[in-house]
Protein backbone atom coordinates (compact mmCIF):
# COMPACT_ATOMS: atom_id res chain seq x y z
CA MET A 1 21.99 35.75 84.07
CA ASN A 2 19.24 35.65 86.75
CA VAL A 3 18.95 38.65 89.02
CA GLU A 4 17.23 38.25 92.34
CA VAL A 5 15.76 41.23 93.87
CA LYS A 6 15.79 41.03 97.79
CA ILE A 7 12.80 42.73 99.59
CA GLU A 8 13.93 43.96 103.14
CA PRO A 9 10.65 43.21 105.41
CA LYS A 10 9.32 46.27 107.13
CA SER A 11 7.08 47.11 109.95
CA MET A 12 3.63 48.70 109.84
CA ALA A 13 5.18 51.89 111.42
CA ASP A 14 7.81 52.05 108.55
CA PHE A 15 4.91 51.83 106.10
CA GLU A 16 2.72 54.43 107.63
CA ARG A 17 5.69 56.78 107.82
CA ALA A 18 6.43 56.33 104.22
CA MET A 19 2.81 57.01 103.22
CA MET A 20 2.87 60.26 105.32
CA GLU A 21 6.11 61.42 103.65
CA TYR A 22 4.77 60.64 100.28
CA ALA A 23 1.63 62.29 100.80
CA TYR A 24 3.24 65.53 102.10
CA ALA A 25 5.77 65.58 99.59
CA CYS A 26 3.32 64.95 96.55
CA ARG A 27 0.47 67.09 98.01
CA GLN A 28 -1.95 64.17 98.10
CA THR A 29 -4.34 63.15 100.62
CA ILE A 30 -3.52 60.25 103.01
CA ARG A 31 -6.90 58.80 101.87
CA ASP A 32 -5.73 58.53 98.44
CA VAL A 33 -2.24 57.18 99.10
CA GLY A 34 -3.68 54.92 101.44
CA LEU A 35 -6.29 53.43 99.00
CA LYS A 36 -3.87 53.02 96.45
CA ASN A 37 -1.40 51.27 98.34
CA ALA A 38 -4.14 48.99 100.04
CA ALA A 39 -5.03 47.82 96.48
CA LEU A 40 -1.38 47.27 95.65
CA MET A 41 -0.80 45.29 98.83
CA CYS A 42 -3.80 43.05 97.98
CA ARG A 43 -2.23 42.31 94.65
CA GLU A 44 1.20 41.57 95.97
CA SER A 45 -0.16 39.38 98.58
CA MET A 46 -2.00 37.46 96.03
CA MET A 47 1.42 37.16 94.26
CA LEU A 48 3.38 36.02 97.28
CA THR A 49 0.82 33.73 98.79
CA PRO A 50 1.54 30.15 97.64
CA PRO A 51 1.31 28.52 95.35
CA MET A 52 3.93 30.29 93.20
CA GLY A 53 5.75 29.29 89.95
CA ALA A 54 9.36 29.17 89.30
CA ASP A 55 9.47 32.83 88.58
CA LYS A 56 7.96 33.49 92.24
CA ASN A 57 4.90 35.26 90.75
CA GLY A 58 1.62 33.80 92.26
CA LEU A 59 -0.35 35.74 89.46
CA MET A 60 0.88 33.72 86.64
CA VAL A 61 -0.53 30.46 85.15
CA GLN A 62 2.72 28.74 86.30
CA ALA A 63 1.53 29.25 89.92
CA GLN A 64 -1.71 27.54 89.20
CA LYS A 65 0.21 24.56 87.51
CA ALA A 66 2.52 24.45 90.49
CA GLY A 67 -0.41 24.30 92.97
CA GLU A 68 -1.83 21.43 90.78
CA ARG A 69 1.48 19.56 90.87
CA SER A 70 1.52 19.84 94.50
CA ILE A 71 -1.94 18.34 95.04
CA ASN A 72 -0.88 15.34 92.49
CA ARG A 73 2.49 14.90 94.59
CA ASP A 74 0.77 14.84 98.12
CA VAL A 75 -2.04 12.45 96.93
CA ARG A 76 0.44 10.16 95.46
CA LYS A 77 2.50 10.09 98.59
CA ILE A 78 -0.54 8.33 100.05
CA PHE A 79 -2.08 6.12 97.16
CA VAL A 80 -0.70 3.74 94.70
CA ALA A 81 -2.34 1.74 91.90
CA THR A 82 -2.02 -1.87 91.21
CA SER A 83 -1.79 -1.02 87.53
CA ALA A 84 1.42 1.15 88.02
CA ARG A 85 4.80 -0.17 86.62
CA LYS A 86 7.16 2.14 88.16
CA GLY A 87 8.47 3.39 91.51
CA ILE A 88 7.55 1.42 94.60
CA ALA A 89 4.25 0.30 93.19
CA PRO A 90 5.35 -3.07 92.05
CA LEU A 91 7.14 -4.13 95.16
CA LEU A 92 4.07 -2.78 97.32
CA ILE A 93 1.51 -4.75 95.34
CA LEU A 94 3.63 -7.83 95.42
CA THR A 95 4.18 -7.85 99.14
CA GLU A 96 0.34 -7.26 99.51
CA ARG A 97 -0.58 -10.24 97.51
CA LEU A 98 2.24 -12.38 99.02
CA ALA A 99 0.87 -11.24 102.67
CA TYR A 100 -2.64 -12.16 101.46
CA SER A 101 -1.63 -15.64 100.40
CA THR A 102 0.15 -16.46 103.54
CA LYS A 103 -2.95 -15.73 105.43
CA TYR A 104 -5.89 -16.64 103.21
CA GLY A 105 -4.24 -18.58 100.46
CA SER A 106 -1.85 -21.70 100.06
CA PRO A 107 1.88 -22.47 99.65
CA SER A 108 1.14 -23.22 95.85
CA GLU A 109 -0.56 -19.79 95.50
CA PHE A 110 2.47 -18.03 97.28
CA ARG A 111 4.89 -19.91 94.87
CA SER A 112 3.00 -18.86 91.95
CA LEU A 113 3.49 -15.16 92.84
CA LEU A 114 7.16 -15.51 93.02
CA GLU A 115 7.59 -16.76 89.51
CA GLY A 116 9.15 -14.74 86.92
CA ALA A 117 10.34 -11.21 87.56
CA SER A 118 8.78 -11.34 90.89
CA ARG A 119 11.84 -12.40 92.72
CA THR A 120 13.84 -9.53 91.35
CA THR A 121 11.14 -6.99 92.38
CA LEU A 122 11.24 -8.45 95.94
CA MET A 123 14.91 -7.90 95.99
CA LYS A 124 14.18 -4.11 96.13
CA GLY A 125 12.43 -4.73 99.56
CA THR A 126 13.77 -5.33 103.14
CA ARG A 127 16.53 -7.84 103.91
CA VAL A 128 13.73 -10.28 105.12
CA LEU A 129 12.02 -9.90 101.64
CA GLN A 130 15.33 -10.35 100.02
CA ALA A 131 16.09 -13.41 101.94
CA ILE A 132 12.58 -14.85 100.72
CA ALA A 133 13.38 -14.12 97.16
CA ASN A 134 16.76 -15.90 97.49
CA ASP A 135 15.28 -19.01 99.08
CA TYR A 136 14.23 -21.45 96.41
CA ASP A 137 12.91 -23.91 98.99
CA ASP A 138 9.29 -23.12 98.41
CA GLU A 139 8.06 -24.56 101.92
CA ARG A 140 10.81 -22.67 103.78
CA ALA A 141 10.26 -19.44 101.82
CA PHE A 142 6.55 -19.58 102.59
CA LYS A 143 7.17 -20.05 106.37
CA LYS A 144 9.43 -17.04 106.54
CA ALA A 145 6.86 -14.91 104.72
CA LYS A 146 4.02 -16.11 106.91
CA ASN A 147 6.24 -15.11 109.92
CA TYR A 148 7.10 -12.04 108.52
CA PHE A 149 3.66 -11.00 107.47
CA ALA A 150 2.06 -12.27 110.53
CA LYS A 151 1.46 -8.72 112.40
CA SER A 152 0.73 -6.88 108.96
CA ILE A 153 -2.77 -5.78 108.25
CA THR A 154 -3.78 -7.42 105.06
CA ARG A 155 -6.20 -5.38 102.89
CA LYS A 156 -9.28 -7.68 102.34
CA SER A 157 -12.66 -6.92 100.68
CA GLU A 158 -15.93 -8.11 101.89
CA TYR A 159 -15.79 -10.80 99.11
CA GLY A 160 -12.63 -12.30 100.74
CA SER A 161 -10.17 -10.96 97.89
CA MET A 162 -7.53 -8.28 98.17
CA GLY A 163 -9.21 -4.98 99.07
CA PHE A 164 -8.94 -1.66 97.23
CA VAL A 165 -9.70 2.01 98.36
CA ARG A 166 -12.72 3.25 96.40
CA ASP A 167 -13.02 6.78 97.83
CA PRO A 168 -9.61 8.44 98.41
CA TYR A 169 -11.16 11.54 100.07
CA PRO A 170 -11.72 10.38 103.61
CA ILE A 171 -8.22 9.00 104.08
CA HIS A 172 -6.60 11.94 102.22
CA GLN A 173 -8.35 14.31 104.51
CA ALA A 174 -7.60 12.35 107.64
CA TYR A 175 -3.86 12.79 106.75
CA ARG A 176 -4.24 16.28 105.86
CA ASP A 177 -5.86 17.03 109.28
CA GLN A 178 -3.03 15.18 111.06
CA HIS A 179 -0.42 17.11 109.42
CA GLY A 180 -1.90 20.64 109.13
CA GLY A 181 -3.42 20.41 105.64
CA ARG A 182 -0.24 19.76 103.62
CA PHE A 183 2.88 17.56 103.45
CA SER A 184 5.61 20.22 103.75
CA LYS A 185 7.15 22.10 106.46
CA ARG A 186 9.12 25.48 105.91
CA GLY A 187 9.10 24.57 102.35
CA LYS A 188 10.61 21.08 102.62
CA PRO A 189 8.15 18.25 101.75
CA PHE A 190 7.85 14.98 103.74
CA SER A 191 5.90 11.77 103.61
CA PRO A 192 2.81 11.48 106.00
CA LEU A 193 3.39 7.77 106.03
CA ARG A 194 5.79 5.86 108.34
CA ASN A 195 6.89 3.62 105.45
CA TRP A 196 6.18 2.60 101.84
CA ARG A 197 4.15 -0.40 102.96
CA ASP A 198 1.64 2.05 104.55
CA LYS A 199 0.58 3.17 101.30
CA GLU A 200 -3.24 2.83 100.18
CA VAL A 201 -3.98 0.84 97.20
CA VAL A 202 -6.35 1.51 94.45
CA GLN A 203 -7.01 -0.59 91.44
CA GLU A 204 -6.41 1.81 88.57
CA ASP A 205 -4.02 4.80 88.35
CA SER A 206 -6.95 6.65 86.49
CA GLU A 207 -8.70 6.63 89.98
CA ILE A 208 -5.90 8.48 91.38
CA ALA A 209 -5.72 11.01 88.52
CA GLU A 210 -9.44 11.56 88.69
CA TYR A 211 -9.40 12.42 92.51
CA VAL A 212 -6.39 14.77 91.82
CA ALA A 213 -8.57 16.51 89.15
CA SER A 214 -11.36 16.74 91.58
CA ARG A 215 -9.23 18.65 94.05
CA ALA A 216 -7.45 21.05 91.54
CA PRO A 217 -10.23 23.83 91.66
CA ALA A 218 -9.17 24.43 95.13
CA VAL A 219 -6.07 25.91 93.95
CA GLY A 220 -6.09 29.78 94.30
CA LYS A 221 -8.55 29.68 97.17
CA LEU A 222 -6.21 31.14 99.72
CA LYS A 223 -5.42 34.09 97.38
CA SER A 224 -8.91 34.83 96.64
CA GLY A 225 -9.81 36.75 99.81
CA TRP A 226 -7.52 39.44 98.60
CA PHE A 227 -9.25 39.91 95.29
CA LYS A 228 -12.54 40.23 97.17
CA ILE A 229 -10.99 43.23 99.16
CA LEU A 230 -9.82 44.58 95.70
CA GLN A 231 -13.39 44.59 94.56
CA MET A 232 -14.61 46.34 97.79
CA LEU A 233 -12.07 49.12 98.04
CA PRO A 234 -13.27 52.64 97.08
CA LYS A 235 -11.25 54.02 94.19
CA PRO A 236 -9.05 57.12 95.27
CA SER A 237 -10.02 60.48 93.91
CA ALA A 238 -6.54 61.32 92.44
CA ARG A 239 -6.44 58.33 89.88
CA GLU A 240 -3.72 59.85 87.73
CA GLY A 241 -5.26 58.31 84.59
CA LYS A 242 -5.43 54.75 86.07
CA THR A 243 -8.62 52.92 86.35
CA ASN A 244 -8.16 49.76 88.28
CA PHE A 245 -5.24 50.15 90.76
CA GLY A 246 -4.52 46.39 91.18
CA THR A 247 -7.71 44.68 89.84
CA GLY A 248 -6.66 44.14 86.27
CA GLY A 249 -4.88 40.98 85.18
CA ILE A 250 -5.79 38.74 88.10
CA PRO A 251 -6.10 35.11 86.69
CA THR A 252 -9.36 33.15 86.76
CA TYR A 253 -8.15 30.47 89.11
CA ILE A 254 -8.21 33.08 91.93
CA LYS A 255 -11.32 34.92 90.89
CA ARG A 256 -13.37 31.71 90.49
CA HIS A 257 -13.68 31.30 94.30
CA PRO A 258 -16.56 32.59 96.11
CA GLY A 259 -16.81 33.61 99.76
CA THR A 260 -16.18 36.32 102.25
CA ALA A 261 -12.72 35.43 103.41
CA GLY A 262 -11.68 39.03 102.60
CA TYR A 263 -12.72 41.65 104.98
CA MET A 264 -12.23 45.54 105.37
CA THR A 265 -13.02 47.99 107.98
CA LEU A 266 -12.93 51.57 106.69
CA ILE A 267 -13.61 54.86 108.34
CA ASP A 268 -13.75 57.90 106.02
CA ALA A 269 -15.36 60.85 107.71
CA ASN A 270 -14.90 64.10 109.44
CA ASP A 271 -11.21 64.26 108.32
CA VAL A 272 -10.45 60.62 109.78
CA PHE A 273 -9.32 58.10 107.48
CA SER A 274 -8.82 54.57 108.81
CA LEU A 275 -8.46 51.22 106.97
CA VAL A 276 -7.95 47.71 108.06
CA ILE A 277 -7.78 44.82 105.52
CA GLY A 278 -7.43 41.26 106.06
CA ASN A 279 -7.81 37.77 104.47
CA ALA A 280 -9.12 35.10 107.05
CA ILE A 281 -7.84 32.24 105.18
CA ALA A 282 -4.56 33.47 103.64
CA ASP A 283 -2.52 31.73 106.46
CA LYS A 284 -4.36 28.50 106.46
CA ASN A 285 -1.89 25.89 107.40
CA ASN A 286 0.74 28.77 108.19
CA VAL A 287 1.52 29.16 104.30
CA SER A 288 1.71 32.77 104.53
CA THR A 289 3.66 32.79 107.71
CA GLU A 290 6.27 30.44 106.40
CA ALA A 291 6.30 32.52 103.34
CA ASP A 292 6.69 35.77 105.29
CA VAL A 293 4.08 37.28 103.04
CA LYS A 294 2.82 40.29 105.36
CA SER A 295 6.21 41.84 106.28
CA THR A 296 7.55 41.22 102.70
CA VAL A 297 4.50 43.01 101.25
CA ILE A 298 4.92 45.91 103.68
CA GLY A 299 8.67 45.91 102.84
CA LEU A 300 7.83 46.10 99.08
CA ARG A 301 5.23 49.09 99.43
CA VAL A 302 7.81 51.04 101.74
CA LYS A 303 10.41 50.57 98.81
CA GLN A 304 8.09 51.47 96.04
CA LEU A 305 6.68 54.44 97.95
CA ARG A 306 10.44 55.79 98.34
CA LEU A 307 11.34 54.96 94.90
CA ASP A 308 8.26 56.70 93.26
CA LEU A 309 8.70 59.66 95.62
CA GLU A 310 12.37 59.82 94.50
CA GLN A 311 11.38 59.83 90.72
CA ARG A 312 8.69 62.46 91.27
CA LEU A 313 11.10 64.79 92.96
CA LYS A 314 13.73 64.28 90.20
CA LYS A 315 11.24 65.11 87.50
CA ALA A 316 10.17 68.18 89.35
CA ALA A 317 13.67 69.35 89.80
CA GLU A 318 14.43 68.65 86.14
CA LYS A 319 11.19 70.43 85.32
CA ALA A 320 12.15 73.59 87.38
CA SER A 321 15.80 73.72 85.93
CA LYS A 322 14.36 74.18 82.42
CA LYS A 323 12.39 77.26 83.46
C-alpha cells in the first residue's frame, strides 16, 4: 500500500517562530539552529526541484532518468526521422514526398509513391488524404494532391531533393524560447507544433538520439545552485556528532555543474545573525513555482523542527522520570 505524506506549506514567519522555539527549548544558539536548517533546506530544495522520479525524490537516479526522458520526449515532439517505422513518421514522410512530387516531380513519380502499403498509410491522414488514397484514377488523384499541397511549404535542399534538418539545436531552441523553455504547463505536456505536418524531418533516427544525448548533461543544472550553497555554508558549532548537515549523498548529475547560481548573504557578528540563501536559476521557466518548492520546503522544516522538539522533550521527560 502506498502512503502519501502531505506537507502543509508554511510562511517564513512560521519557520522563524519554529526555529526560535526550538533554540530556546533545546538551549541552542539561533546561529546553530539556523545553519542546520539552511543546509537541510538546500537539500530538500534539490529533492523537490524538478526533475523528480516516480518516488518524488529529486536526489535519486530515477530523477536524472526522468529528466533525460523529458528531453527525449520534447525533442521528438518536434523532429521525426525518415527511417522511423512507427507513429506518425510514415504518414508524415509519405505526405512530404507526395507534396514534393506534386511541385517538382511528375504524375508517374506521384503514382509510384502510392504503390503497395502507401495507400493504407495515407488512410491515417486527413479526409482529403483519405480521398486521394481511395482514388485509383491516377490523373485525378494527382490533381487532388496538387491542389491540397499547393499552399504547403515543401522541404527542399540546395540540390533540388527533399531537404532534411542537419542541426536540430537552432530549431529546438527557437521552440523553447517561444514556449518558456519546456513543453509542459502546470505539469501537463503539450505539443509546440500546430499539427503533425509541422514536424521537422531528419534523415536518421540516430541523429535525434545523438542530439538528445548532447542535451542530457544539462539535467540537474537547476538544482545545482543549492549544492553550491551547501558547500559555502559554515558548519554549526553544535554538530551533535554529524559532519555534513546535508552535503552527503548528493548525486553526480547535480554536483557536476559549475557556476555561481547559488548565493548566500551572511551576517554573523556582534550577537547578530542573519542568513539569506537563494538559487538564481532554480525557478527558470517557473519550474519551482509550479512545483511550489519554496513554501513546501518551509512547511517541511517547520514540521520537522516541531517533531524533533517533541522527541527531545519526550526523551528528557523519560530521563527525568528514571531519576
